[in-house]
C-alpha atoms as a PDB file:
ATOM      1  CA  MET A   1     115.773 127.369 -29.769  1.00  0.00           C
ATOM      2  CA  LYS A   2     117.772 124.374 -28.740  1.00  0.00           C
ATOM      3  CA  GLN A   3     120.929 123.740 -30.694  1.00  0.00           C
ATOM      4  CA  PHE A   4     120.052 120.157 -31.622  1.00  0.00           C
ATOM      5  CA  GLY A   5     116.263 120.302 -31.373  1.00  0.00           C
ATOM      6  CA  LEU A   6     113.799 120.473 -34.237  1.00  0.00           C
ATOM      7  CA  SER A   7     110.854 122.534 -33.043  1.00  0.00           C
ATOM      8  CA  ASN A   8     107.553 123.172 -34.804  1.00  0.00           C
ATOM      9  CA  ALA A   9     108.860 126.614 -35.802  1.00  0.00           C
ATOM     10  CA  GLU A  10     111.626 124.878 -37.779  1.00  0.00           C
ATOM     11  CA  ARG A  11     109.284 122.628 -39.781  1.00  0.00           C
ATOM     12  CA  ILE A  12     107.348 123.350 -42.945  1.00  0.00           C
ATOM     13  CA  LYS A  13     103.756 122.513 -42.102  1.00  0.00           C
ATOM     14  CA  SER A  14     101.421 124.697 -44.151  1.00  0.00           C
ATOM     15  CA  LYS A  15     100.230 123.897 -47.642  1.00  0.00           C
ATOM     16  CA  SER A  16     101.128 127.402 -48.812  1.00  0.00           C
ATOM     17  CA  GLU A  17     104.797 126.902 -47.846  1.00  0.00           C
ATOM     18  CA  PHE A  18     104.891 123.483 -49.542  1.00  0.00           C
ATOM     19  CA  ASP A  19     103.355 125.000 -52.693  1.00  0.00           C
ATOM     20  CA  LEU A  20     105.842 127.885 -52.623  1.00  0.00           C
ATOM     21  CA  VAL A  21     108.830 125.536 -52.428  1.00  0.00           C
ATOM     22  CA  TYR A  22     107.575 123.092 -55.046  1.00  0.00           C
ATOM     23  CA  SER A  23     106.484 125.785 -57.507  1.00  0.00           C
ATOM     24  CA  SER A  24     109.475 128.131 -57.395  1.00  0.00           C
ATOM     25  CA  GLY A  25     112.243 126.193 -55.652  1.00  0.00           C
ATOM     26  CA  GLU A  26     115.444 124.684 -56.979  1.00  0.00           C
ATOM     27  CA  VAL A  27     116.101 120.940 -57.022  1.00  0.00           C
ATOM     28  CA  LEU A  28     119.371 119.293 -55.988  1.00  0.00           C
ATOM     29  CA  PHE A  29     120.290 115.612 -55.968  1.00  0.00           C
ATOM     30  CA  SER A  30     122.764 113.944 -53.622  1.00  0.00           C
ATOM     31  CA  SER A  31     126.002 112.651 -55.113  1.00  0.00           C
ATOM     32  CA  ASN A  32     124.784 109.041 -55.308  1.00  0.00           C
ATOM     33  CA  GLN A  33     121.269 110.090 -56.437  1.00  0.00           C
ATOM     34  CA  LYS A  34     119.477 108.515 -53.445  1.00  0.00           C
ATOM     35  CA  LEU A  35     117.926 111.727 -52.070  1.00  0.00           C
ATOM     36  CA  LYS A  36     116.816 115.068 -53.429  1.00  0.00           C
ATOM     37  CA  ALA A  37     116.255 118.447 -51.869  1.00  0.00           C
ATOM     38  CA  VAL A  38     113.883 121.097 -53.145  1.00  0.00           C
ATOM     39  CA  PHE A  39     114.707 124.461 -51.597  1.00  0.00           C
ATOM     40  CA  LYS A  40     113.640 128.094 -51.774  1.00  0.00           C
ATOM     41  CA  ILE A  41     115.810 131.012 -50.655  1.00  0.00           C
ATOM     42  CA  ASP A  42     114.328 134.435 -49.851  1.00  0.00           C
ATOM     43  CA  LYS A  43     117.061 136.980 -49.277  1.00  0.00           C
ATOM     44  CA  GLU A  44     114.936 140.011 -48.365  1.00  0.00           C
ATOM     45  CA  THR A  45     113.693 139.101 -44.887  1.00  0.00           C
ATOM     46  CA  GLU A  46     113.904 140.793 -41.515  1.00  0.00           C
ATOM     47  CA  GLN A  47     114.774 137.692 -39.561  1.00  0.00           C
ATOM     48  CA  ALA A  48     116.634 134.498 -40.347  1.00  0.00           C
ATOM     49  CA  VAL A  49     114.408 131.446 -40.842  1.00  0.00           C
ATOM     50  CA  LEU A  50     115.409 127.849 -41.538  1.00  0.00           C
ATOM     51  CA  LYS A  51     112.536 125.421 -42.072  1.00  0.00           C
ATOM     52  CA  ALA A  52     112.636 121.821 -43.273  1.00  0.00           C
ATOM     53  CA  ALA A  53     110.188 119.093 -44.252  1.00  0.00           C
ATOM     54  CA  PHE A  54     110.617 115.429 -45.102  1.00  0.00           C
ATOM     55  CA  ALA A  55     108.363 113.838 -47.723  1.00  0.00           C
ATOM     56  CA  VAL A  56     108.250 110.226 -48.872  1.00  0.00           C
ATOM     57  CA  SER A  57     105.982 109.072 -51.696  1.00  0.00           C
ATOM     58  CA  SER A  58     103.534 106.277 -50.985  1.00  0.00           C
ATOM     59  CA  ARG A  59     105.049 104.370 -53.912  1.00  0.00           C
ATOM     60  CA  ALA A  60     108.298 104.044 -51.948  1.00  0.00           C
ATOM     61  CA  GLY A  61     106.930 101.331 -49.662  1.00  0.00           C
ATOM     62  CA  ILE A  62     104.566 100.487 -46.855  1.00  0.00           C
ATOM     63  CA  ALA A  63     103.761 103.074 -44.167  1.00  0.00           C
ATOM     64  CA  VAL A  64     106.127 101.587 -41.582  1.00  0.00           C
ATOM     65  CA  TRP A  65     109.070 101.823 -43.987  1.00  0.00           C
ATOM     66  CA  ARG A  66     108.141 105.358 -45.150  1.00  0.00           C
ATOM     67  CA  ASN A  67     107.853 106.598 -41.576  1.00  0.00           C
ATOM     68  CA  ARG A  68     111.234 105.088 -40.711  1.00  0.00           C
ATOM     69  CA  VAL A  69     112.841 106.881 -43.665  1.00  0.00           C
ATOM     70  CA  LYS A  70     111.261 110.175 -42.565  1.00  0.00           C
ATOM     71  CA  ARG A  71     112.510 109.668 -39.003  1.00  0.00           C
ATOM     72  CA  LEU A  72     116.034 108.927 -40.244  1.00  0.00           C
ATOM     73  CA  MET A  73     116.067 111.974 -42.542  1.00  0.00           C
ATOM     74  CA  ARG A  74     114.719 114.165 -39.720  1.00  0.00           C
ATOM     75  CA  GLU A  75     117.398 112.903 -37.326  1.00  0.00           C
ATOM     76  CA  SER A  76     120.143 113.469 -39.913  1.00  0.00           C
ATOM     77  CA  PHE A  77     118.973 117.039 -40.478  1.00  0.00           C
ATOM     78  CA  ARG A  78     118.480 117.742 -36.774  1.00  0.00           C
ATOM     79  CA  THR A  79     122.019 116.741 -35.803  1.00  0.00           C
ATOM     80  CA  ASN A  80     123.643 118.632 -38.697  1.00  0.00           C
ATOM     81  CA  LYS A  81     121.443 121.705 -39.113  1.00  0.00           C
ATOM     82  CA  ASN A  82     124.268 123.947 -37.859  1.00  0.00           C
ATOM     83  CA  ILE A  83     125.777 123.600 -41.373  1.00  0.00           C
ATOM     84  CA  LEU A  84     122.977 125.800 -42.718  1.00  0.00           C
ATOM     85  CA  LYS A  85     121.825 127.620 -39.570  1.00  0.00           C
ATOM     86  CA  SER A  86     125.003 129.691 -39.149  1.00  0.00           C
ATOM     87  CA  ILE A  87     124.924 131.043 -42.719  1.00  0.00           C
ATOM     88  CA  VAL A  88     121.169 131.671 -42.646  1.00  0.00           C
ATOM     89  CA  ASP A  89     121.585 133.666 -39.416  1.00  0.00           C
ATOM     90  CA  GLU A  90     124.584 135.564 -40.775  1.00  0.00           C
ATOM     91  CA  LYS A  91     122.937 136.553 -44.074  1.00  0.00           C
ATOM     92  CA  LYS A  92     119.409 137.073 -42.643  1.00  0.00           C
ATOM     93  CA  THR A  93     117.760 134.837 -45.237  1.00  0.00           C
ATOM     94  CA  ARG A  94     114.707 132.596 -45.217  1.00  0.00           C
ATOM     95  CA  LEU A  95     115.476 129.042 -46.311  1.00  0.00           C
ATOM     96  CA  LEU A  96     112.769 126.423 -46.863  1.00  0.00           C
ATOM     97  CA  VAL A  97     113.961 122.880 -47.670  1.00  0.00           C
ATOM     98  CA  ILE A  98     112.062 119.682 -48.470  1.00  0.00           C
ATOM     99  CA  PHE A  99     114.046 116.443 -48.442  1.00  0.00           C
ATOM    100  CA  SER A 100     112.728 113.321 -50.176  1.00  0.00           C
ATOM    101  CA  PRO A 101     114.118 110.003 -51.435  1.00  0.00           C
ATOM    102  CA  VAL A 102     114.503 109.388 -55.169  1.00  0.00           C
ATOM    103  CA  TYR A 103     116.011 105.936 -55.675  1.00  0.00           C
ATOM    104  CA  LEU A 104     115.441 104.762 -52.142  1.00  0.00           C
ATOM    105  CA  ASN A 105     112.518 102.400 -51.788  1.00  0.00           C
ATOM    106  CA  GLU A 106     111.475  99.364 -49.826  1.00  0.00           C
ATOM    107  CA  ARG A 107     112.012  96.903 -52.683  1.00  0.00           C
ATOM    108  CA  LYS A 108     115.708  97.811 -52.978  1.00  0.00           C
ATOM    109  CA  ASN A 109     116.369  98.556 -49.296  1.00  0.00           C
ATOM    110  CA  LYS A 110     114.364  96.295 -46.973  1.00  0.00           C
ATOM    111  CA  LYS A 111     116.356  97.409 -43.938  1.00  0.00           C
ATOM    112  CA  ILE A 112     117.485 100.986 -43.763  1.00  0.00           C
ATOM    113  CA  ALA A 113     119.734 102.580 -41.172  1.00  0.00           C
ATOM    114  CA  LEU A 114     120.987 106.052 -40.330  1.00  0.00           C
ATOM    115  CA  ASN A 115     124.261 105.315 -42.185  1.00  0.00           C
ATOM    116  CA  ASP A 116     122.262 105.004 -45.437  1.00  0.00           C
ATOM    117  CA  VAL A 117     120.682 108.455 -45.126  1.00  0.00           C
ATOM    118  CA  LEU A 118     123.081 110.655 -43.130  1.00  0.00           C
ATOM    119  CA  PRO A 119     125.842 111.147 -45.767  1.00  0.00           C
ATOM    120  CA  ASP A 120     123.286 112.122 -48.415  1.00  0.00           C
ATOM    121  CA  ILE A 121     121.547 114.673 -46.172  1.00  0.00           C
ATOM    122  CA  VAL A 122     124.910 116.230 -45.247  1.00  0.00           C
ATOM    123  CA  ASP A 123     125.898 116.293 -48.937  1.00  0.00           C
ATOM    124  CA  LEU A 124     122.668 118.060 -49.875  1.00  0.00           C
ATOM    125  CA  MET A 125     123.072 120.543 -47.033  1.00  0.00           C
ATOM    126  CA  ASN A 126     126.600 121.379 -48.184  1.00  0.00           C
ATOM    127  CA  GLN A 127     125.342 121.891 -51.756  1.00  0.00           C
ATOM    128  CA  ILE A 128     122.633 124.256 -50.479  1.00  0.00           C
ATOM    129  CA  LYS A 129     125.238 126.055 -48.360  1.00  0.00           C
ATOM    130  CA  THR A 130     127.289 126.883 -51.472  1.00  0.00           C
ATOM    131  CA  ARG A 131     124.188 128.467 -53.079  1.00  0.00           C
ATOM    132  CA  LEU A 132     123.527 130.736 -50.110  1.00  0.00           C
END
């Protein structure tokens, strides 16, 4: 896998994986409460797996705005995934993470940039890292 890529093998795509994370995962909020991460850690696995998904509720804004937020969250994760990848590889764990905005919506933030999302994603990743 490429160091800074985000392949299909690194994305949560199936309904069963989404259900697993939402039903039995832990929830963390970023320090300024803009984003949340729901994650599930399985420690008894043969190989290390790190998968992520990015979900935005339709109540957050119009489709163009929601897709932009997903792209920004995906880019933030993609460039900083080494924070989690090294520990997941070292401990041979399976980590599934779903990132989504909480208090980030189109009414409050008409224009959104990478600077608005990146610190929160990194903060959430560091919080998850401490729980591994």
